[in-house]
Amino acid sequence: MNQLAGRVAVVTGAGSGIGRALARALALEGARIVAADLDEAGMAETTRDLDAIAVRTDVTQRSQVLALADRAFSEVGAVHDI
């Protein structure tokens, strides 16, 4: 357990389905989650009990992906390959 403690993961599509499952699984292993999705209500559900932030992001828009990266680095200080 907590093999990912101190690590930060950005998970796109975190509002539902595989993205939600991945965010929760990484969090259970200790990772801090930056959840990205268009579905704000879904992200709120995903991140409710996690060490996470939610960032509304349309990954088809380069400017929004860059804003996601900026927010991740400014709020949590890092993003890791996991």
PDB file of N, CA and C in Angstrom:
ATOM      1  N   MET A   1       0.832  -1.193   0.000  1.00  0.00           N
ATOM      2  CA  MET A   1       0.000   0.000   0.000  1.00  0.00           C
ATOM      3  C   MET A   1       0.874   1.252   0.000  1.00  0.00           C
ATOM      4  N   ASN A   2       0.308   2.319  -0.498  1.00  0.00           N
ATOM      5  CA  ASN A   2       0.969   3.618  -0.561  1.00  0.00           C
ATOM      6  C   ASN A   2       2.281   3.587  -1.329  1.00  0.00           C
ATOM      7  N   GLN A   3       2.344   2.767  -2.358  1.00  0.00           N
ATOM      8  CA  GLN A   3       3.530   2.705  -3.195  1.00  0.00           C
ATOM      9  C   GLN A   3       3.754   3.997  -3.962  1.00  0.00           C
ATOM     10  N   LEU A   4       2.706   4.800  -4.099  1.00  0.00           N
ATOM     11  CA  LEU A   4       2.801   6.041  -4.862  1.00  0.00           C
ATOM     12  C   LEU A   4       2.767   7.280  -3.965  1.00  0.00           C
ATOM     13  N   ALA A   5       3.008   7.102  -2.689  1.00  0.00           N
ATOM     14  CA  ALA A   5       3.000   8.236  -1.765  1.00  0.00           C
ATOM     15  C   ALA A   5       3.981   9.299  -2.236  1.00  0.00           C
ATOM     16  N   GLY A   6       3.528  10.545  -2.228  1.00  0.00           N
ATOM     17  CA  GLY A   6       4.372  11.650  -2.650  1.00  0.00           C
ATOM     18  C   GLY A   6       4.377  11.903  -4.144  1.00  0.00           C
ATOM     19  N   ARG A   7       3.661  11.088  -4.900  1.00  0.00           N
ATOM     20  CA  ARG A   7       3.599  11.241  -6.349  1.00  0.00           C
ATOM     21  C   ARG A   7       2.300  11.943  -6.726  1.00  0.00           C
ATOM     22  N   VAL A   8       2.300  12.604  -7.877  1.00  0.00           N
ATOM     23  CA  VAL A   8       1.128  13.311  -8.380  1.00  0.00           C
ATOM     24  C   VAL A   8       0.776  12.761  -9.754  1.00  0.00           C
ATOM     25  N   ALA A   9      -0.510  12.413  -9.938  1.00  0.00           N
ATOM     26  CA  ALA A   9      -0.980  11.901 -11.216  1.00  0.00           C
ATOM     27  C   ALA A   9      -2.079  12.797 -11.764  1.00  0.00           C
ATOM     28  N   VAL A  10      -1.953  13.188 -13.021  1.00  0.00           N
ATOM     29  CA  VAL A  10      -3.036  13.868 -13.722  1.00  0.00           C
ATOM     30  C   VAL A  10      -3.820  12.786 -14.450  1.00  0.00           C
ATOM     31  N   VAL A  11      -5.120  12.730 -14.182  1.00  0.00           N
ATOM     32  CA  VAL A  11      -5.969  11.713 -14.789  1.00  0.00           C
ATOM     33  C   VAL A  11      -7.049  12.423 -15.602  1.00  0.00           C
ATOM     34  N   THR A  12      -6.993  12.254 -16.917  1.00  0.00           N
ATOM     35  CA  THR A  12      -8.033  12.819 -17.772  1.00  0.00           C
ATOM     36  C   THR A  12      -9.203  11.844 -17.847  1.00  0.00           C
ATOM     37  N   GLY A  13     -10.380  12.379 -18.092  1.00  0.00           N
ATOM     38  CA  GLY A  13     -11.574  11.537 -18.116  1.00  0.00           C
ATOM     39  C   GLY A  13     -11.951  11.039 -16.743  1.00  0.00           C
ATOM     40  N   ALA A  14     -11.547  11.778 -15.710  1.00  0.00           N
ATOM     41  CA  ALA A  14     -11.724  11.326 -14.329  1.00  0.00           C
ATOM     42  C   ALA A  14     -13.152  11.444 -13.817  1.00  0.00           C
ATOM     43  N   GLY A  15     -14.051  12.002 -14.615  1.00  0.00           N
ATOM     44  CA  GLY A  15     -15.424  12.181 -14.165  1.00  0.00           C
ATOM     45  C   GLY A  15     -16.263  10.914 -14.164  1.00  0.00           C
ATOM     46  N   SER A  16     -15.792   9.869 -14.844  1.00  0.00           N
ATOM     47  CA  SER A  16     -16.570   8.630 -14.909  1.00  0.00           C
ATOM     48  C   SER A  16     -15.716   7.504 -15.485  1.00  0.00           C
ATOM     49  N   GLY A  17     -16.294   6.324 -15.509  1.00  0.00           N
ATOM     50  CA  GLY A  17     -15.706   5.174 -16.188  1.00  0.00           C
ATOM     51  C   GLY A  17     -14.280   4.827 -15.794  1.00  0.00           C
ATOM     52  N   ILE A  18     -13.481   4.539 -16.822  1.00  0.00           N
ATOM     53  CA  ILE A  18     -12.095   4.122 -16.604  1.00  0.00           C
ATOM     54  C   ILE A  18     -11.291   5.221 -15.927  1.00  0.00           C
ATOM     55  N   GLY A  19     -11.497   6.471 -16.307  1.00  0.00           N
ATOM     56  CA  GLY A  19     -10.776   7.582 -15.676  1.00  0.00           C
ATOM     57  C   GLY A  19     -11.052   7.661 -14.186  1.00  0.00           C
ATOM     58  N   ARG A  20     -12.330   7.509 -13.810  1.00  0.00           N
ATOM     59  CA  ARG A  20     -12.689   7.520 -12.377  1.00  0.00           C
ATOM     60  C   ARG A  20     -12.022   6.352 -11.659  1.00  0.00           C
ATOM     61  N   ALA A  21     -12.103   5.171 -12.245  1.00  0.00           N
ATOM     62  CA  ALA A  21     -11.512   3.983 -11.627  1.00  0.00           C
ATOM     63  C   ALA A  21     -10.005   4.143 -11.477  1.00  0.00           C
ATOM     64  N   LEU A  22      -9.357   4.686 -12.490  1.00  0.00           N
ATOM     65  CA  LEU A  22      -7.914   4.895 -12.425  1.00  0.00           C
ATOM     66  C   LEU A  22      -7.550   5.905 -11.343  1.00  0.00           C
ATOM     67  N   ALA A  23      -8.282   7.007 -11.283  1.00  0.00           N
ATOM     68  CA  ALA A  23      -8.012   8.026 -10.255  1.00  0.00           C
ATOM     69  C   ALA A  23      -8.135   7.424  -8.864  1.00  0.00           C
ATOM     70  N   ARG A  24      -9.181   6.668  -8.642  1.00  0.00           N
ATOM     71  CA  ARG A  24      -9.383   6.061  -7.321  1.00  0.00           C
ATOM     72  C   ARG A  24      -8.309   5.026  -7.007  1.00  0.00           C
ATOM     73  N   ALA A  25      -7.934   4.208  -7.983  1.00  0.00           N
ATOM     74  CA  ALA A  25      -6.904   3.194  -7.758  1.00  0.00           C
ATOM     75  C   ALA A  25      -5.557   3.836  -7.436  1.00  0.00           C
ATOM     76  N   LEU A  26      -5.199   4.884  -8.179  1.00  0.00           N
ATOM     77  CA  LEU A  26      -3.934   5.583  -7.905  1.00  0.00           C
ATOM     78  C   LEU A  26      -3.962   6.238  -6.533  1.00  0.00           C
ATOM     79  N   ALA A  27      -5.098   6.813  -6.176  1.00  0.00           N
ATOM     80  CA  ALA A  27      -5.222   7.445  -4.854  1.00  0.00           C
ATOM     81  C   ALA A  27      -5.090   6.413  -3.738  1.00  0.00           C
ATOM     82  N   LEU A  28      -5.662   5.230  -3.936  1.00  0.00           N
ATOM     83  CA  LEU A  28      -5.535   4.174  -2.926  1.00  0.00           C
ATOM     84  C   LEU A  28      -4.087   3.758  -2.724  1.00  0.00           C
ATOM     85  N   GLU A  29      -3.264   3.939  -3.739  1.00  0.00           N
ATOM     86  CA  GLU A  29      -1.837   3.629  -3.632  1.00  0.00           C
ATOM     87  C   GLU A  29      -1.032   4.831  -3.123  1.00  0.00           C
ATOM     88  N   GLY A  30      -1.742   5.926  -2.777  1.00  0.00           N
ATOM     89  CA  GLY A  30      -1.075   7.063  -2.147  1.00  0.00           C
ATOM     90  C   GLY A  30      -0.829   8.261  -3.029  1.00  0.00           C
ATOM     91  N   ALA A  31      -1.166   8.205  -4.313  1.00  0.00           N
ATOM     92  CA  ALA A  31      -0.908   9.333  -5.210  1.00  0.00           C
ATOM     93  C   ALA A  31      -1.885  10.475  -4.952  1.00  0.00           C
ATOM     94  N   ARG A  32      -1.408  11.679  -5.144  1.00  0.00           N
ATOM     95  CA  ARG A  32      -2.272  12.865  -5.164  1.00  0.00           C
ATOM     96  C   ARG A  32      -2.800  12.983  -6.578  1.00  0.00           C
ATOM     97  N   ILE A  33      -4.089  13.268  -6.725  1.00  0.00           N
ATOM     98  CA  ILE A  33      -4.745  13.244  -8.024  1.00  0.00           C
ATOM     99  C   ILE A  33      -5.114  14.652  -8.482  1.00  0.00           C
ATOM    100  N   VAL A  34      -4.804  14.935  -9.746  1.00  0.00           N
ATOM    101  CA  VAL A  34      -5.341  16.095 -10.438  1.00  0.00           C
ATOM    102  C   VAL A  34      -6.308  15.521 -11.457  1.00  0.00           C
ATOM    103  N   ALA A  35      -7.604  15.671 -11.183  1.00  0.00           N
ATOM    104  CA  ALA A  35      -8.651  15.091 -12.021  1.00  0.00           C
ATOM    105  C   ALA A  35      -9.061  16.095 -13.086  1.00  0.00           C
ATOM    106  N   ALA A  36      -9.115  15.639 -14.325  1.00  0.00           N
ATOM    107  CA  ALA A  36      -9.507  16.503 -15.434  1.00  0.00           C
ATOM    108  C   ALA A  36     -10.663  15.870 -16.200  1.00  0.00           C
ATOM    109  N   ASP A  37     -11.666  16.692 -16.509  1.00  0.00           N
ATOM    110  CA  ASP A  37     -12.816  16.225 -17.270  1.00  0.00           C
ATOM    111  C   ASP A  37     -13.687  17.428 -17.581  1.00  0.00           C
ATOM    112  N   LEU A  38     -14.618  17.268 -18.508  1.00  0.00           N
ATOM    113  CA  LEU A  38     -15.620  18.297 -18.767  1.00  0.00           C
ATOM    114  C   LEU A  38     -16.767  18.208 -17.764  1.00  0.00           C
ATOM    115  N   ASP A  39     -16.964  17.034 -17.208  1.00  0.00           N
ATOM    116  CA  ASP A  39     -18.077  16.757 -16.295  1.00  0.00           C
ATOM    117  C   ASP A  39     -17.702  17.150 -14.865  1.00  0.00           C
ATOM    118  N   GLU A  40     -18.066  18.369 -14.496  1.00  0.00           N
ATOM    119  CA  GLU A  40     -17.697  18.859 -13.163  1.00  0.00           C
ATOM    120  C   GLU A  40     -18.375  18.075 -12.047  1.00  0.00           C
ATOM    121  N   ALA A  41     -19.634  17.702 -12.229  1.00  0.00           N
ATOM    122  CA  ALA A  41     -20.332  16.916 -11.212  1.00  0.00           C
ATOM    123  C   ALA A  41     -19.683  15.538 -11.061  1.00  0.00           C
ATOM    124  N   GLY A  42     -19.306  14.939 -12.178  1.00  0.00           N
ATOM    125  CA  GLY A  42     -18.637  13.647 -12.128  1.00  0.00           C
ATOM    126  C   GLY A  42     -17.291  13.724 -11.426  1.00  0.00           C
ATOM    127  N   MET A  43     -16.542  14.798 -11.716  1.00  0.00           N
ATOM    128  CA  MET A  43     -15.248  14.962 -11.040  1.00  0.00           C
ATOM    129  C   MET A  43     -15.439  15.159  -9.540  1.00  0.00           C
ATOM    130  N   ALA A  44     -16.478  15.892  -9.163  1.00  0.00           N
ATOM    131  CA  ALA A  44     -16.750  16.093  -7.738  1.00  0.00           C
ATOM    132  C   ALA A  44     -17.020  14.751  -7.060  1.00  0.00           C
ATOM    133  N   GLU A  45     -17.770  13.883  -7.734  1.00  0.00           N
ATOM    134  CA  GLU A  45     -18.032  12.545  -7.205  1.00  0.00           C
ATOM    135  C   GLU A  45     -16.739  11.738  -7.102  1.00  0.00           C
ATOM    136  N   THR A  46     -15.916  11.810  -8.131  1.00  0.00           N
ATOM    137  CA  THR A  46     -14.653  11.070  -8.153  1.00  0.00           C
ATOM    138  C   THR A  46     -13.734  11.521  -7.025  1.00  0.00           C
ATOM    139  N   THR A  47     -13.620  12.810  -6.840  1.00  0.00           N
ATOM    140  CA  THR A  47     -12.617  13.353  -5.914  1.00  0.00           C
ATOM    141  C   THR A  47     -13.125  13.556  -4.489  1.00  0.00           C
ATOM    142  N   ARG A  48     -14.389  13.278  -4.246  1.00  0.00           N
ATOM    143  CA  ARG A  48     -15.000  13.569  -2.942  1.00  0.00           C
ATOM    144  C   ARG A  48     -14.142  13.115  -1.763  1.00  0.00           C
ATOM    145  N   ASP A  49     -13.643  11.917  -1.772  1.00  0.00           N
ATOM    146  CA  ASP A  49     -12.898  11.382  -0.630  1.00  0.00           C
ATOM    147  C   ASP A  49     -11.414  11.169  -0.928  1.00  0.00           C
ATOM    148  N   LEU A  50     -10.914  11.852  -1.963  1.00  0.00           N
ATOM    149  CA  LEU A  50      -9.519  11.667  -2.367  1.00  0.00           C
ATOM    150  C   LEU A  50      -8.699  12.918  -2.087  1.00  0.00           C
ATOM    151  N   ASP A  51      -7.385  12.757  -2.005  1.00  0.00           N
ATOM    152  CA  ASP A  51      -6.464  13.895  -1.963  1.00  0.00           C
ATOM    153  C   ASP A  51      -6.317  14.351  -3.402  1.00  0.00           C
ATOM    154  N   ALA A  52      -7.224  15.254  -3.826  1.00  0.00           N
ATOM    155  CA  ALA A  52      -7.313  15.573  -5.247  1.00  0.00           C
ATOM    156  C   ALA A  52      -7.795  16.997  -5.473  1.00  0.00           C
ATOM    157  N   ILE A  53      -7.503  17.492  -6.661  1.00  0.00           N
ATOM    158  CA  ILE A  53      -8.130  18.704  -7.153  1.00  0.00           C
ATOM    159  C   ILE A  53      -8.799  18.356  -8.474  1.00  0.00           C
ATOM    160  N   ALA A  54      -9.850  19.071  -8.796  1.00  0.00           N
ATOM    161  CA  ALA A  54     -10.580  18.846 -10.040  1.00  0.00           C
ATOM    162  C   ALA A  54     -10.421  20.074 -10.926  1.00  0.00           C
ATOM    163  N   VAL A  55     -10.102  19.843 -12.190  1.00  0.00           N
ATOM    164  CA  VAL A  55      -9.897  20.930 -13.141  1.00  0.00           C
ATOM    165  C   VAL A  55     -10.731  20.630 -14.383  1.00  0.00           C
ATOM    166  N   ARG A  56     -11.732  21.484 -14.641  1.00  0.00           N
ATOM    167  CA  ARG A  56     -12.542  21.302 -15.845  1.00  0.00           C
ATOM    168  C   ARG A  56     -11.641  21.508 -17.054  1.00  0.00           C
ATOM    169  N   THR A  57     -11.565  20.480 -17.908  1.00  0.00           N
ATOM    170  CA  THR A  57     -10.644  20.515 -19.047  1.00  0.00           C
ATOM    171  C   THR A  57     -11.244  19.814 -20.246  1.00  0.00           C
ATOM    172  N   ASP A  58     -11.188  20.484 -21.383  1.00  0.00           N
ATOM    173  CA  ASP A  58     -11.513  19.866 -22.663  1.00  0.00           C
ATOM    174  C   ASP A  58     -10.170  19.517 -23.304  1.00  0.00           C
ATOM    175  N   VAL A  59      -9.826  18.241 -23.298  1.00  0.00           N
ATOM    176  CA  VAL A  59      -8.498  17.842 -23.764  1.00  0.00           C
ATOM    177  C   VAL A  59      -8.314  17.994 -25.266  1.00  0.00           C
ATOM    178  N   THR A  60      -9.378  18.349 -25.984  1.00  0.00           N
ATOM    179  CA  THR A  60      -9.230  18.632 -27.413  1.00  0.00           C
ATOM    180  C   THR A  60      -8.782  20.067 -27.655  1.00  0.00           C
ATOM    181  N   GLN A  61      -8.712  20.860 -26.582  1.00  0.00           N
ATOM    182  CA  GLN A  61      -8.312  22.256 -26.687  1.00  0.00           C
ATOM    183  C   GLN A  61      -6.934  22.440 -26.045  1.00  0.00           C
ATOM    184  N   ARG A  62      -5.943  22.697 -26.872  1.00  0.00           N
ATOM    185  CA  ARG A  62      -4.563  22.824 -26.388  1.00  0.00           C
ATOM    186  C   ARG A  62      -4.453  23.833 -25.245  1.00  0.00           C
ATOM    187  N   SER A  63      -5.134  24.962 -25.367  1.00  0.00           N
ATOM    188  CA  SER A  63      -5.054  26.002 -24.340  1.00  0.00           C
ATOM    189  C   SER A  63      -5.556  25.483 -22.990  1.00  0.00           C
ATOM    190  N   GLN A  64      -6.572  24.628 -23.012  1.00  0.00           N
ATOM    191  CA  GLN A  64      -7.094  24.082 -21.760  1.00  0.00           C
ATOM    192  C   GLN A  64      -6.148  23.041 -21.167  1.00  0.00           C
ATOM    193  N   VAL A  65      -5.480  22.278 -22.011  1.00  0.00           N
ATOM    194  CA  VAL A  65      -4.504  21.304 -21.514  1.00  0.00           C
ATOM    195  C   VAL A  65      -3.316  22.037 -20.889  1.00  0.00           C
ATOM    196  N   LEU A  66      -2.876  23.111 -21.522  1.00  0.00           N
ATOM    197  CA  LEU A  66      -1.790  23.912 -20.949  1.00  0.00           C
ATOM    198  C   LEU A  66      -2.218  24.532 -19.624  1.00  0.00           C
ATOM    199  N   ALA A  67      -3.474  24.995 -19.549  1.00  0.00           N
ATOM    200  CA  ALA A  67      -3.989  25.546 -18.295  1.00  0.00           C
ATOM    201  C   ALA A  67      -4.054  24.465 -17.215  1.00  0.00           C
ATOM    202  N   LEU A  68      -4.414  23.245 -17.595  1.00  0.00           N
ATOM    203  CA  LEU A  68      -4.417  22.115 -16.660  1.00  0.00           C
ATOM    204  C   LEU A  68      -3.021  21.886 -16.109  1.00  0.00           C
ATOM    205  N   ALA A  69      -2.030  21.876 -16.979  1.00  0.00           N
ATOM    206  CA  ALA A  69      -0.641  21.675 -16.533  1.00  0.00           C
ATOM    207  C   ALA A  69      -0.204  22.805 -15.607  1.00  0.00           C
ATOM    208  N   ASP A  70      -0.516  24.037 -15.975  1.00  0.00           N
ATOM    209  CA  ASP A  70      -0.156  25.175 -15.120  1.00  0.00           C
ATOM    210  C   ASP A  70      -0.778  25.042 -13.739  1.00  0.00           C
ATOM    211  N   ARG A  71      -2.047  24.666 -13.706  1.00  0.00           N
ATOM    212  CA  ARG A  71      -2.727  24.543 -12.411  1.00  0.00           C
ATOM    213  C   ARG A  71      -2.142  23.401 -11.584  1.00  0.00           C
ATOM    214  N   ALA A  72      -1.841  22.295 -12.238  1.00  0.00           N
ATOM    215  CA  ALA A  72      -1.256  21.163 -11.515  1.00  0.00           C
ATOM    216  C   ALA A  72       0.070  21.562 -10.886  1.00  0.00           C
ATOM    217  N   PHE A  73       0.928  22.207 -11.655  1.00  0.00           N
ATOM    218  CA  PHE A  73       2.229  22.599 -11.111  1.00  0.00           C
ATOM    219  C   PHE A  73       2.105  23.682 -10.053  1.00  0.00           C
ATOM    220  N   SER A  74       1.183  24.623 -10.228  1.00  0.00           N
ATOM    221  CA  SER A  74       1.062  25.714  -9.257  1.00  0.00           C
ATOM    222  C   SER A  74       0.423  25.238  -7.955  1.00  0.00           C
ATOM    223  N   GLU A  75      -0.523  24.305  -8.016  1.00  0.00           N
ATOM    224  CA  GLU A  75      -1.230  23.875  -6.806  1.00  0.00           C
ATOM    225  C   GLU A  75      -0.574  22.700  -6.091  1.00  0.00           C
ATOM    226  N   VAL A  76       0.053  21.799  -6.833  1.00  0.00           N
ATOM    227  CA  VAL A  76       0.656  20.637  -6.181  1.00  0.00           C
ATOM    228  C   VAL A  76       2.156  20.523  -6.406  1.00  0.00           C
ATOM    229  N   GLY A  77       2.695  21.359  -7.278  1.00  0.00           N
ATOM    230  CA  GLY A  77       4.135  21.472  -7.403  1.00  0.00           C
ATOM    231  C   GLY A  77       4.848  20.492  -8.306  1.00  0.00           C
ATOM    232  N   ALA A  78       4.132  19.469  -8.768  1.00  0.00           N
ATOM    233  CA  ALA A  78       4.805  18.468  -9.596  1.00  0.00           C
ATOM    234  C   ALA A  78       3.759  17.605 -10.295  1.00  0.00           C
ATOM    235  N   VAL A  79       4.217  16.903 -11.313  1.00  0.00           N
ATOM    236  CA  VAL A  79       3.439  15.849 -11.955  1.00  0.00           C
ATOM    237  C   VAL A  79       4.435  14.744 -12.264  1.00  0.00           C
ATOM    238  N   HIS A  80       4.055  13.509 -11.974  1.00  0.00           N
ATOM    239  CA  HIS A  80       4.968  12.387 -12.130  1.00  0.00           C
ATOM    240  C   HIS A  80       4.461  11.389 -13.169  1.00  0.00           C
ATOM    241  N   ASP A  81       5.396  10.703 -13.822  1.00  0.00           N
ATOM    242  CA  ASP A  81       5.057   9.550 -14.648  1.00  0.00           C
ATOM    243  C   ASP A  81       4.737   8.416 -13.715  1.00  0.00           C
ATOM    244  N   ILE A  82       3.577   7.849 -13.879  1.00  0.00           N
ATOM    245  CA  ILE A  82       3.178   6.747 -13.002  1.00  0.00           C
ATOM    246  C   ILE A  82       2.784   5.576 -13.868  1.00  0.00           C
TER     247      ILE A  82
END
